[in-house]
């Protein structure tokens, strides 16, 4: 429930359909979720590049990037994680309304939070991409050195170590970055987008 009083939604004379027609494709949200080090950012960067080369209008929201600005006041407590994802969901909704294919790369460890984002979007707009990767492999990669810090107790509440990660039950797409190549993962996602006729 909004805490703001005396607010009224103002419609535009340019509709969502108008923007989609101008772009030549529908808006959608590719929601990458997975453990730290699973490859969310790496894959989303390459998928955006591939979609852009196809002539689609895209924008990528990355977890660390968003925490530099929009969500710089949030930490990593369960409540802050939930608020982080809520805000990103609302931004993604606006971007989808603008006719963009938005790619988000966030751990987003809680099923309920991801479900809330799905619910604020229109039917078919939320495309959950489970970036599946074994914890051992994620730890071996440890691109930011976070697992090492978590294991030593330097940081606490780290997903996969002393905080939970709730895997998607029925994601639209699953990629296994410890078993398939980056190229194969990208192709799987791009093919899915084309098959769903998000790209016309």
N, C-alpha and C. Protein backbone atom coordinates (compact mmCIF):
# COMPACT_ATOMS: atom_id res chain seq x y z
N UNK A 1 0.84 -1.20 0.00
CA UNK A 1 0.00 0.00 0.00
C UNK A 1 0.88 1.25 0.00
N UNK A 2 0.53 2.20 -0.85
CA UNK A 2 1.33 3.40 -0.97
C UNK A 2 1.21 4.28 0.26
N UNK A 3 2.33 4.87 0.69
CA UNK A 3 2.32 5.80 1.82
C UNK A 3 2.04 7.22 1.35
N UNK A 4 2.05 7.43 0.04
CA UNK A 4 1.81 8.77 -0.51
C UNK A 4 0.31 9.04 -0.62
N UNK A 5 -0.09 10.23 -0.21
CA UNK A 5 -1.50 10.62 -0.29
C UNK A 5 -1.71 11.55 -1.47
N UNK A 6 -2.94 11.63 -1.91
CA UNK A 6 -3.33 12.57 -2.96
C UNK A 6 -2.56 12.39 -4.25
N UNK A 7 -2.40 11.13 -4.66
CA UNK A 7 -1.73 10.85 -5.92
C UNK A 7 -2.73 10.24 -6.91
N UNK A 8 -2.58 10.61 -8.16
CA UNK A 8 -3.47 10.14 -9.21
C UNK A 8 -2.64 9.67 -10.39
N UNK A 9 -2.98 8.48 -10.93
CA UNK A 9 -2.26 7.96 -12.10
C UNK A 9 -2.65 8.75 -13.34
N UNK A 10 -1.67 9.24 -14.11
CA UNK A 10 -1.92 10.00 -15.33
C UNK A 10 -1.57 9.13 -16.54
N UNK A 11 -2.55 8.91 -17.39
CA UNK A 11 -2.32 8.14 -18.61
C UNK A 11 -1.65 8.99 -19.67
N UNK A 12 -0.94 8.32 -20.57
CA UNK A 12 -0.30 9.00 -21.69
C UNK A 12 -1.17 8.87 -22.94
N UNK A 13 -0.92 9.70 -23.91
CA UNK A 13 -1.61 9.57 -25.18
C UNK A 13 -0.89 8.59 -26.10
N UNK A 14 0.33 8.22 -25.71
CA UNK A 14 1.08 7.17 -26.40
C UNK A 14 0.92 5.90 -25.57
N UNK A 15 0.34 4.88 -26.17
CA UNK A 15 0.06 3.65 -25.43
C UNK A 15 1.23 2.67 -25.48
N UNK A 16 1.12 1.66 -24.63
CA UNK A 16 2.11 0.59 -24.64
C UNK A 16 2.14 -0.07 -26.01
N UNK A 17 0.98 -0.27 -26.59
CA UNK A 17 0.89 -0.89 -27.92
C UNK A 17 1.55 0.00 -28.98
N UNK A 18 1.40 1.32 -28.85
CA UNK A 18 2.05 2.25 -29.78
C UNK A 18 3.57 2.08 -29.73
N UNK A 19 4.09 2.00 -28.51
CA UNK A 19 5.54 1.88 -28.34
C UNK A 19 6.05 0.54 -28.88
N UNK A 20 5.28 -0.51 -28.63
CA UNK A 20 5.68 -1.83 -29.13
C UNK A 20 5.67 -1.86 -30.65
N UNK A 21 4.67 -1.22 -31.23
CA UNK A 21 4.59 -1.18 -32.70
C UNK A 21 5.79 -0.44 -33.28
N UNK A 22 6.18 0.66 -32.63
CA UNK A 22 7.33 1.43 -33.10
C UNK A 22 8.62 0.62 -33.00
N UNK A 23 8.75 -0.15 -31.91
CA UNK A 23 9.93 -0.99 -31.72
C UNK A 23 9.93 -2.22 -32.63
N UNK A 24 8.74 -2.68 -32.96
CA UNK A 24 8.64 -3.89 -33.78
C UNK A 24 8.64 -5.17 -32.97
N UNK A 25 8.49 -5.05 -31.65
CA UNK A 25 8.41 -6.24 -30.79
C UNK A 25 7.78 -5.86 -29.46
N UNK A 26 7.33 -6.86 -28.74
CA UNK A 26 6.72 -6.65 -27.42
C UNK A 26 7.80 -6.45 -26.36
N UNK A 27 7.41 -5.84 -25.27
CA UNK A 27 8.30 -5.74 -24.12
C UNK A 27 8.25 -7.04 -23.34
N UNK A 28 9.31 -7.31 -22.59
CA UNK A 28 9.37 -8.51 -21.76
C UNK A 28 10.47 -8.32 -20.73
N UNK A 29 10.47 -9.17 -19.72
CA UNK A 29 11.51 -9.12 -18.69
C UNK A 29 12.14 -10.51 -18.58
N UNK A 30 13.41 -10.59 -18.94
CA UNK A 30 14.19 -11.81 -18.74
C UNK A 30 14.82 -11.72 -17.36
N UNK A 31 14.31 -12.52 -16.43
CA UNK A 31 14.73 -12.42 -15.03
C UNK A 31 15.72 -13.54 -14.71
N UNK A 32 17.01 -13.19 -14.71
CA UNK A 32 18.07 -14.17 -14.42
C UNK A 32 18.22 -14.31 -12.91
N UNK A 33 18.10 -15.53 -12.40
CA UNK A 33 18.26 -15.78 -10.96
C UNK A 33 19.19 -16.96 -10.76
N UNK A 34 20.01 -16.88 -9.73
CA UNK A 34 20.94 -17.96 -9.44
C UNK A 34 21.94 -17.51 -8.39
N UNK A 35 22.74 -18.44 -7.92
CA UNK A 35 23.75 -18.15 -6.91
C UNK A 35 24.79 -17.14 -7.41
N UNK A 36 25.46 -16.50 -6.48
CA UNK A 36 26.60 -15.66 -6.83
C UNK A 36 27.64 -16.52 -7.52
N UNK A 37 28.13 -16.05 -8.66
CA UNK A 37 29.12 -16.83 -9.40
C UNK A 37 28.54 -17.83 -10.37
N UNK A 38 27.22 -17.90 -10.46
CA UNK A 38 26.59 -18.88 -11.36
C UNK A 38 26.70 -18.46 -12.83
N UNK A 39 26.88 -17.17 -13.06
CA UNK A 39 27.02 -16.69 -14.44
C UNK A 39 25.91 -15.78 -14.91
N UNK A 40 25.09 -15.28 -13.99
CA UNK A 40 23.96 -14.42 -14.36
C UNK A 40 24.40 -13.20 -15.17
N UNK A 41 25.36 -12.47 -14.63
CA UNK A 41 25.81 -11.25 -15.32
C UNK A 41 26.48 -11.58 -16.64
N UNK A 42 27.34 -12.58 -16.63
CA UNK A 42 28.06 -12.97 -17.85
C UNK A 42 27.10 -13.35 -18.96
N UNK A 43 26.12 -14.19 -18.64
CA UNK A 43 25.16 -14.64 -19.66
C UNK A 43 24.27 -13.50 -20.10
N UNK A 44 23.78 -12.70 -19.15
CA UNK A 44 22.86 -11.61 -19.51
C UNK A 44 23.53 -10.59 -20.41
N UNK A 45 24.82 -10.32 -20.19
CA UNK A 45 25.56 -9.40 -21.05
C UNK A 45 25.58 -9.91 -22.48
N UNK A 46 25.85 -11.20 -22.65
CA UNK A 46 25.95 -11.78 -23.99
C UNK A 46 24.58 -11.91 -24.65
N UNK A 47 23.55 -12.19 -23.85
CA UNK A 47 22.19 -12.27 -24.40
C UNK A 47 21.75 -10.90 -24.89
N UNK A 48 22.02 -9.87 -24.09
CA UNK A 48 21.64 -8.52 -24.52
C UNK A 48 22.35 -8.16 -25.82
N UNK A 49 23.62 -8.49 -25.91
CA UNK A 49 24.38 -8.20 -27.13
C UNK A 49 23.75 -8.90 -28.33
N UNK A 50 23.38 -10.19 -28.14
CA UNK A 50 22.79 -10.96 -29.24
C UNK A 50 21.43 -10.40 -29.65
N UNK A 51 20.62 -10.01 -28.68
CA UNK A 51 19.30 -9.45 -28.98
C UNK A 51 19.44 -8.09 -29.67
N UNK A 52 20.40 -7.30 -29.21
CA UNK A 52 20.65 -5.99 -29.82
C UNK A 52 21.05 -6.15 -31.28
N UNK A 53 21.89 -7.16 -31.54
CA UNK A 53 22.32 -7.42 -32.92
C UNK A 53 21.16 -7.87 -33.80
N UNK A 54 20.12 -8.41 -33.16
CA UNK A 54 18.91 -8.82 -33.89
C UNK A 54 17.99 -7.62 -34.14
N UNK A 55 18.35 -6.46 -33.59
CA UNK A 55 17.55 -5.27 -33.79
C UNK A 55 16.51 -5.02 -32.72
N UNK A 56 16.60 -5.76 -31.61
CA UNK A 56 15.65 -5.57 -30.53
C UNK A 56 16.12 -4.46 -29.60
N UNK A 57 15.15 -3.82 -28.96
CA UNK A 57 15.43 -2.74 -28.02
C UNK A 57 15.53 -3.34 -26.62
N UNK A 58 16.69 -3.21 -25.99
CA UNK A 58 16.95 -3.87 -24.72
C UNK A 58 17.54 -2.92 -23.70
N UNK A 59 17.48 -3.36 -22.43
CA UNK A 59 18.23 -2.70 -21.37
C UNK A 59 18.50 -3.73 -20.29
N UNK A 60 19.72 -3.70 -19.75
CA UNK A 60 20.13 -4.68 -18.75
C UNK A 60 20.29 -4.02 -17.38
N UNK A 61 19.65 -4.61 -16.39
CA UNK A 61 19.76 -4.17 -15.00
C UNK A 61 20.57 -5.22 -14.24
N UNK A 62 21.73 -4.83 -13.73
CA UNK A 62 22.60 -5.76 -13.01
C UNK A 62 22.57 -5.44 -11.52
N UNK A 63 22.62 -6.49 -10.70
CA UNK A 63 22.50 -6.33 -9.26
C UNK A 63 23.45 -5.31 -8.66
N UNK A 64 24.74 -5.45 -8.92
CA UNK A 64 25.72 -4.53 -8.36
C UNK A 64 25.52 -3.12 -8.89
N UNK A 65 25.22 -3.00 -10.19
CA UNK A 65 25.04 -1.67 -10.77
C UNK A 65 23.89 -0.92 -10.12
N UNK A 66 22.78 -1.61 -9.90
CA UNK A 66 21.59 -0.97 -9.31
C UNK A 66 21.87 -0.56 -7.86
N UNK A 67 22.67 -1.35 -7.16
CA UNK A 67 22.98 -1.01 -5.77
C UNK A 67 23.94 0.19 -5.66
N UNK A 68 24.51 0.62 -6.77
CA UNK A 68 25.32 1.83 -6.76
C UNK A 68 24.46 3.08 -6.74
N UNK A 69 23.22 2.96 -7.18
CA UNK A 69 22.37 4.14 -7.28
C UNK A 69 21.00 3.95 -6.66
N UNK A 70 20.06 3.44 -7.44
CA UNK A 70 18.68 3.30 -7.01
C UNK A 70 18.54 2.64 -5.65
N UNK A 71 19.30 1.59 -5.42
CA UNK A 71 19.16 0.83 -4.17
C UNK A 71 20.39 0.93 -3.27
N UNK A 72 21.07 2.06 -3.34
CA UNK A 72 22.30 2.23 -2.55
C UNK A 72 22.03 2.28 -1.05
N UNK A 73 20.78 2.51 -0.67
CA UNK A 73 20.45 2.57 0.76
C UNK A 73 20.05 1.22 1.33
N UNK A 74 20.14 0.15 0.54
CA UNK A 74 19.72 -1.17 0.99
C UNK A 74 20.92 -2.06 1.27
N UNK A 75 20.79 -2.88 2.33
CA UNK A 75 21.81 -3.86 2.66
C UNK A 75 21.40 -5.24 2.16
N UNK A 76 21.76 -6.28 2.91
CA UNK A 76 21.50 -7.64 2.47
C UNK A 76 20.69 -8.45 3.49
N UNK A 77 19.99 -7.75 4.37
CA UNK A 77 19.07 -8.45 5.27
C UNK A 77 17.92 -9.01 4.45
N UNK A 78 17.18 -9.99 4.98
CA UNK A 78 16.02 -10.50 4.23
C UNK A 78 15.06 -9.39 3.80
N UNK A 79 14.79 -8.44 4.69
CA UNK A 79 13.86 -7.35 4.36
C UNK A 79 14.43 -6.46 3.25
N UNK A 80 15.73 -6.18 3.32
CA UNK A 80 16.35 -5.34 2.28
C UNK A 80 16.43 -6.07 0.95
N UNK A 81 16.67 -7.37 0.98
CA UNK A 81 16.69 -8.15 -0.25
C UNK A 81 15.31 -8.09 -0.92
N UNK A 82 14.27 -8.23 -0.10
CA UNK A 82 12.90 -8.19 -0.63
C UNK A 82 12.60 -6.82 -1.24
N UNK A 83 13.00 -5.75 -0.56
CA UNK A 83 12.77 -4.41 -1.08
C UNK A 83 13.59 -4.15 -2.34
N UNK A 84 14.80 -4.67 -2.38
CA UNK A 84 15.65 -4.56 -3.56
C UNK A 84 14.93 -5.14 -4.78
N UNK A 85 14.39 -6.34 -4.62
CA UNK A 85 13.71 -7.00 -5.74
C UNK A 85 12.39 -6.30 -6.07
N UNK A 86 11.68 -5.82 -5.06
CA UNK A 86 10.42 -5.09 -5.32
C UNK A 86 10.68 -3.87 -6.20
N UNK A 87 11.71 -3.11 -5.86
CA UNK A 87 12.03 -1.91 -6.64
C UNK A 87 12.42 -2.27 -8.07
N UNK A 88 13.23 -3.31 -8.20
CA UNK A 88 13.65 -3.73 -9.54
C UNK A 88 12.44 -4.21 -10.34
N UNK A 89 11.52 -4.88 -9.68
CA UNK A 89 10.30 -5.32 -10.35
C UNK A 89 9.51 -4.15 -10.90
N UNK A 90 9.41 -3.08 -10.11
CA UNK A 90 8.66 -1.90 -10.56
C UNK A 90 9.38 -1.20 -11.70
N UNK A 91 10.71 -1.11 -11.63
CA UNK A 91 11.47 -0.52 -12.73
C UNK A 91 11.32 -1.36 -13.99
N UNK A 92 11.37 -2.68 -13.82
CA UNK A 92 11.22 -3.59 -14.97
C UNK A 92 9.86 -3.44 -15.62
N UNK A 93 8.84 -3.24 -14.80
CA UNK A 93 7.49 -3.04 -15.31
C UNK A 93 7.43 -1.78 -16.19
N UNK A 94 8.05 -0.71 -15.72
CA UNK A 94 8.07 0.53 -16.49
C UNK A 94 8.81 0.34 -17.81
N UNK A 95 9.92 -0.39 -17.75
CA UNK A 95 10.70 -0.63 -18.96
C UNK A 95 9.95 -1.51 -19.96
N UNK A 96 9.25 -2.50 -19.44
CA UNK A 96 8.45 -3.34 -20.32
C UNK A 96 7.32 -2.53 -20.94
N UNK A 97 6.73 -1.63 -20.16
CA UNK A 97 5.68 -0.75 -20.66
C UNK A 97 6.23 0.15 -21.77
N UNK A 98 7.51 0.49 -21.65
CA UNK A 98 8.16 1.32 -22.67
C UNK A 98 8.50 0.52 -23.92
N UNK A 99 8.24 -0.80 -23.88
CA UNK A 99 8.46 -1.65 -25.05
C UNK A 99 9.84 -2.26 -25.12
N UNK A 100 10.59 -2.20 -24.01
CA UNK A 100 11.94 -2.76 -23.99
C UNK A 100 11.93 -4.22 -23.54
N UNK A 101 12.92 -4.95 -23.99
CA UNK A 101 13.20 -6.27 -23.42
C UNK A 101 14.24 -6.02 -22.34
N UNK A 102 13.84 -6.18 -21.10
CA UNK A 102 14.70 -5.89 -19.96
C UNK A 102 15.32 -7.17 -19.45
N UNK A 103 16.62 -7.13 -19.23
CA UNK A 103 17.33 -8.28 -18.68
C UNK A 103 17.78 -7.92 -17.28
N UNK A 104 17.41 -8.71 -16.29
CA UNK A 104 17.81 -8.43 -14.92
C UNK A 104 18.68 -9.56 -14.40
N UNK A 105 19.77 -9.20 -13.74
CA UNK A 105 20.68 -10.22 -13.19
C UNK A 105 20.82 -9.98 -11.69
N UNK A 106 20.00 -10.68 -10.92
CA UNK A 106 19.97 -10.56 -9.46
C UNK A 106 19.90 -11.95 -8.86
N UNK A 107 20.56 -12.16 -7.74
CA UNK A 107 20.44 -13.45 -7.07
C UNK A 107 18.97 -13.74 -6.80
N UNK A 108 18.25 -12.73 -6.31
CA UNK A 108 16.81 -12.84 -5.96
C UNK A 108 16.51 -14.22 -5.36
N UNK A 109 17.00 -14.47 -4.14
CA UNK A 109 16.98 -15.82 -3.57
C UNK A 109 15.61 -16.35 -3.14
N UNK A 110 14.62 -15.48 -3.00
CA UNK A 110 13.34 -15.92 -2.45
C UNK A 110 12.27 -16.09 -3.52
N UNK A 111 11.63 -17.26 -3.53
CA UNK A 111 10.57 -17.55 -4.50
C UNK A 111 9.45 -16.51 -4.43
N UNK A 112 9.08 -16.16 -3.21
CA UNK A 112 7.97 -15.22 -3.04
C UNK A 112 8.26 -13.88 -3.69
N UNK A 113 9.49 -13.40 -3.54
CA UNK A 113 9.85 -12.11 -4.14
C UNK A 113 9.79 -12.17 -5.66
N UNK A 114 10.30 -13.26 -6.24
CA UNK A 114 10.25 -13.41 -7.70
C UNK A 114 8.80 -13.52 -8.16
N UNK A 115 7.98 -14.19 -7.36
CA UNK A 115 6.56 -14.31 -7.68
C UNK A 115 5.85 -12.97 -7.67
N UNK A 116 6.26 -12.10 -6.75
CA UNK A 116 5.67 -10.76 -6.69
C UNK A 116 5.98 -9.97 -7.95
N UNK A 117 7.20 -10.12 -8.45
CA UNK A 117 7.56 -9.42 -9.68
C UNK A 117 6.74 -9.97 -10.84
N UNK A 118 6.60 -11.28 -10.91
CA UNK A 118 5.77 -11.89 -11.96
C UNK A 118 4.36 -11.31 -11.92
N UNK A 119 3.85 -11.12 -10.71
CA UNK A 119 2.47 -10.66 -10.55
C UNK A 119 2.25 -9.20 -10.96
N UNK A 120 3.30 -8.36 -10.89
CA UNK A 120 3.10 -6.96 -11.28
C UNK A 120 3.20 -6.77 -12.79
N UNK A 121 3.71 -7.80 -13.47
CA UNK A 121 3.81 -7.73 -14.93
C UNK A 121 2.61 -8.39 -15.59
N UNK A 122 2.39 -8.08 -16.85
CA UNK A 122 1.28 -8.70 -17.57
C UNK A 122 1.61 -10.15 -17.90
N UNK A 123 0.59 -10.92 -18.14
CA UNK A 123 0.75 -12.35 -18.45
C UNK A 123 1.74 -12.55 -19.59
N UNK A 124 2.72 -13.39 -19.36
CA UNK A 124 3.70 -13.72 -20.39
C UNK A 124 4.90 -12.79 -20.46
N UNK A 125 4.89 -11.68 -19.72
CA UNK A 125 6.00 -10.73 -19.78
C UNK A 125 7.19 -11.16 -18.93
N UNK A 126 6.93 -11.90 -17.86
CA UNK A 126 8.00 -12.32 -16.95
C UNK A 126 8.55 -13.66 -17.40
N UNK A 127 9.81 -13.68 -17.78
CA UNK A 127 10.46 -14.90 -18.25
C UNK A 127 11.59 -15.22 -17.28
N UNK A 128 11.34 -16.19 -16.40
CA UNK A 128 12.32 -16.55 -15.38
C UNK A 128 13.40 -17.43 -15.99
N UNK A 129 14.65 -17.01 -15.82
CA UNK A 129 15.79 -17.76 -16.34
C UNK A 129 16.60 -18.24 -15.13
N UNK A 130 16.51 -19.54 -14.85
CA UNK A 130 17.26 -20.12 -13.74
C UNK A 130 18.67 -20.43 -14.21
N UNK A 131 19.63 -19.70 -13.67
CA UNK A 131 21.03 -19.92 -14.01
C UNK A 131 21.56 -20.94 -13.00
N UNK A 132 21.42 -22.19 -13.36
CA UNK A 132 21.73 -23.29 -12.46
C UNK A 132 23.22 -23.62 -12.50
N UNK A 133 23.80 -23.72 -11.31
CA UNK A 133 25.23 -24.02 -11.23
C UNK A 133 25.52 -24.54 -9.83
N UNK A 134 26.26 -25.62 -9.73
CA UNK A 134 26.56 -26.20 -8.44
C UNK A 134 27.33 -25.24 -7.54
N UNK A 135 27.05 -25.31 -6.24
CA UNK A 135 27.72 -24.43 -5.29
C UNK A 135 29.24 -24.58 -5.36
N UNK A 136 29.72 -25.80 -5.53
CA UNK A 136 31.16 -26.03 -5.60
C UNK A 136 31.79 -25.24 -6.75
N UNK A 137 31.12 -25.25 -7.90
CA UNK A 137 31.64 -24.53 -9.06
C UNK A 137 31.58 -23.02 -8.82
N UNK A 138 30.49 -22.55 -8.23
CA UNK A 138 30.37 -21.12 -7.92
C UNK A 138 31.49 -20.68 -6.99
N UNK A 139 31.78 -21.53 -6.00
CA UNK A 139 32.87 -21.20 -5.06
C UNK A 139 34.22 -21.21 -5.75
N UNK A 140 34.42 -22.14 -6.66
CA UNK A 140 35.69 -22.20 -7.39
C UNK A 140 35.87 -20.94 -8.23
N UNK A 141 34.79 -20.49 -8.85
CA UNK A 141 34.86 -19.28 -9.66
C UNK A 141 35.09 -18.06 -8.77
N UNK A 142 34.23 -17.90 -7.78
CA UNK A 142 34.29 -16.82 -6.78
C UNK A 142 34.86 -15.52 -7.36
N UNK A 143 34.22 -14.97 -8.41
CA UNK A 143 34.78 -13.82 -9.13
C UNK A 143 35.01 -12.58 -8.26
N UNK A 144 34.23 -12.44 -7.19
CA UNK A 144 34.36 -11.25 -6.33
C UNK A 144 35.03 -11.57 -5.00
N UNK A 145 35.43 -12.84 -4.82
CA UNK A 145 36.05 -13.22 -3.55
C UNK A 145 35.09 -13.28 -2.38
N UNK A 146 33.81 -13.33 -2.67
CA UNK A 146 32.80 -13.28 -1.61
C UNK A 146 32.64 -14.60 -0.86
N UNK A 147 32.76 -15.72 -1.58
CA UNK A 147 32.64 -17.01 -0.90
C UNK A 147 33.76 -17.18 0.12
N UNK A 148 34.95 -16.75 -0.26
CA UNK A 148 36.08 -16.84 0.65
C UNK A 148 35.81 -16.03 1.92
N UNK A 149 35.26 -14.84 1.74
CA UNK A 149 34.94 -13.99 2.88
C UNK A 149 33.82 -14.61 3.72
N UNK A 150 32.84 -15.22 3.05
CA UNK A 150 31.74 -15.85 3.78
C UNK A 150 32.22 -17.05 4.59
N UNK A 151 33.09 -17.84 4.00
CA UNK A 151 33.62 -19.02 4.69
C UNK A 151 34.48 -18.64 5.89
N UNK A 152 35.14 -17.49 5.80
CA UNK A 152 36.00 -17.06 6.91
C UNK A 152 35.23 -16.29 7.98
N UNK A 153 33.94 -16.01 7.68
CA UNK A 153 33.13 -15.28 8.64
C UNK A 153 33.24 -13.77 8.52
N UNK A 154 33.99 -13.32 7.50
CA UNK A 154 34.17 -11.89 7.29
C UNK A 154 32.86 -11.21 6.90
N UNK A 155 32.04 -11.94 6.12
CA UNK A 155 30.69 -11.46 5.81
C UNK A 155 29.70 -12.55 6.19
N UNK A 156 28.52 -12.14 6.62
CA UNK A 156 27.48 -13.09 7.03
C UNK A 156 26.22 -12.87 6.20
N UNK A 157 25.31 -13.82 6.27
CA UNK A 157 24.08 -13.72 5.50
C UNK A 157 24.32 -13.87 4.02
N UNK A 158 25.30 -14.69 3.65
CA UNK A 158 25.66 -14.85 2.24
C UNK A 158 24.89 -16.02 1.63
N UNK A 159 24.21 -15.74 0.54
CA UNK A 159 23.36 -16.74 -0.11
C UNK A 159 24.15 -17.99 -0.50
N UNK A 160 23.62 -19.14 -0.10
CA UNK A 160 24.26 -20.41 -0.43
C UNK A 160 25.18 -20.91 0.67
N UNK A 161 25.59 -20.01 1.58
CA UNK A 161 26.46 -20.40 2.68
C UNK A 161 25.68 -20.37 4.00
N UNK A 162 25.32 -19.17 4.45
CA UNK A 162 24.53 -19.09 5.69
C UNK A 162 23.22 -18.33 5.48
N UNK A 163 22.79 -18.23 4.23
CA UNK A 163 21.47 -17.69 3.88
C UNK A 163 20.93 -18.53 2.73
N UNK A 164 19.62 -18.73 2.69
CA UNK A 164 19.05 -19.66 1.70
C UNK A 164 18.96 -19.12 0.29
N UNK A 165 18.99 -20.06 -0.66
CA UNK A 165 18.61 -19.76 -2.04
C UNK A 165 17.51 -20.74 -2.41
N UNK A 166 16.34 -20.20 -2.74
CA UNK A 166 15.19 -21.03 -3.08
C UNK A 166 15.11 -21.15 -4.61
N UNK A 167 15.43 -22.33 -5.10
CA UNK A 167 15.46 -22.53 -6.56
C UNK A 167 14.08 -22.37 -7.17
N UNK A 168 14.01 -21.86 -8.40
CA UNK A 168 12.73 -21.77 -9.11
C UNK A 168 12.11 -23.16 -9.27
N UNK A 169 10.80 -23.23 -9.14
CA UNK A 169 10.08 -24.50 -9.27
C UNK A 169 9.80 -24.81 -10.73
N UNK A 170 9.36 -23.81 -11.47
CA UNK A 170 8.97 -24.03 -12.86
C UNK A 170 9.40 -22.84 -13.73
N UNK A 171 10.69 -22.62 -13.86
CA UNK A 171 11.16 -21.47 -14.65
C UNK A 171 10.88 -21.67 -16.13
N UNK A 172 10.75 -20.56 -16.84
CA UNK A 172 10.55 -20.65 -18.29
C UNK A 172 11.79 -21.22 -18.97
N UNK A 173 12.96 -20.87 -18.47
CA UNK A 173 14.22 -21.33 -19.06
C UNK A 173 15.18 -21.75 -17.94
N UNK A 174 15.87 -22.86 -18.14
CA UNK A 174 16.95 -23.26 -17.24
C UNK A 174 18.22 -23.44 -18.06
N UNK A 175 19.27 -22.78 -17.63
CA UNK A 175 20.57 -23.00 -18.24
C UNK A 175 21.50 -23.54 -17.16
N UNK A 176 22.40 -24.42 -17.53
CA UNK A 176 23.31 -25.03 -16.57
C UNK A 176 24.73 -24.62 -16.94
N UNK A 177 25.20 -23.58 -16.30
CA UNK A 177 26.48 -22.98 -16.71
C UNK A 177 27.70 -23.80 -16.30
N UNK A 178 27.49 -24.83 -15.48
CA UNK A 178 28.61 -25.72 -15.16
C UNK A 178 28.63 -26.95 -16.07
N UNK A 179 27.66 -27.00 -17.00
CA UNK A 179 27.57 -28.15 -17.89
C UNK A 179 27.51 -27.76 -19.37
N UNK A 180 27.15 -26.51 -19.67
CA UNK A 180 27.03 -26.10 -21.06
C UNK A 180 27.87 -24.85 -21.32
N UNK A 181 28.20 -24.63 -22.56
CA UNK A 181 29.03 -23.47 -22.90
C UNK A 181 28.21 -22.19 -22.82
N UNK A 182 28.91 -21.08 -22.72
CA UNK A 182 28.26 -19.78 -22.71
C UNK A 182 27.46 -19.60 -23.99
N UNK A 183 28.03 -20.00 -25.11
CA UNK A 183 27.35 -19.86 -26.40
C UNK A 183 26.05 -20.65 -26.44
N UNK A 184 26.07 -21.86 -25.86
CA UNK A 184 24.87 -22.69 -25.85
C UNK A 184 23.78 -22.07 -24.97
N UNK A 185 24.18 -21.50 -23.84
CA UNK A 185 23.23 -20.85 -22.94
C UNK A 185 22.58 -19.66 -23.62
N UNK A 186 23.40 -18.86 -24.29
CA UNK A 186 22.89 -17.67 -24.98
C UNK A 186 21.93 -18.07 -26.08
N UNK A 187 22.31 -19.06 -26.85
CA UNK A 187 21.46 -19.51 -27.95
C UNK A 187 20.11 -20.03 -27.45
N UNK A 188 20.13 -20.73 -26.34
CA UNK A 188 18.88 -21.26 -25.78
C UNK A 188 17.92 -20.12 -25.43
N UNK A 189 18.45 -19.06 -24.83
CA UNK A 189 17.60 -17.95 -24.41
C UNK A 189 17.11 -17.14 -25.61
N UNK A 190 18.00 -16.85 -26.55
CA UNK A 190 17.62 -16.09 -27.74
C UNK A 190 16.58 -16.86 -28.55
N UNK A 191 16.75 -18.17 -28.66
CA UNK A 191 15.78 -19.00 -29.40
C UNK A 191 14.43 -18.98 -28.71
N UNK A 192 14.44 -18.99 -27.40
CA UNK A 192 13.18 -18.95 -26.64
C UNK A 192 12.43 -17.65 -26.92
N UNK A 193 13.16 -16.54 -26.91
CA UNK A 193 12.54 -15.23 -27.18
C UNK A 193 11.90 -15.22 -28.57
N UNK A 194 12.62 -15.73 -29.55
CA UNK A 194 12.09 -15.76 -30.92
C UNK A 194 10.86 -16.65 -31.02
N UNK A 195 10.91 -17.80 -30.35
CA UNK A 195 9.80 -18.76 -30.42
C UNK A 195 8.54 -18.21 -29.78
N UNK A 196 8.70 -17.36 -28.78
CA UNK A 196 7.55 -16.76 -28.10
C UNK A 196 7.01 -15.53 -28.86
N UNK A 197 7.66 -15.23 -29.98
CA UNK A 197 7.22 -14.12 -30.82
C UNK A 197 7.27 -12.77 -30.09
N UNK A 198 8.16 -12.68 -29.09
CA UNK A 198 8.43 -11.37 -28.50
C UNK A 198 9.11 -10.53 -29.57
N UNK A 199 9.88 -11.22 -30.41
CA UNK A 199 10.52 -10.54 -31.56
C UNK A 199 9.70 -10.88 -32.79
N UNK A 200 9.20 -9.87 -33.44
CA UNK A 200 8.37 -10.10 -34.63
C UNK A 200 9.06 -9.58 -35.87
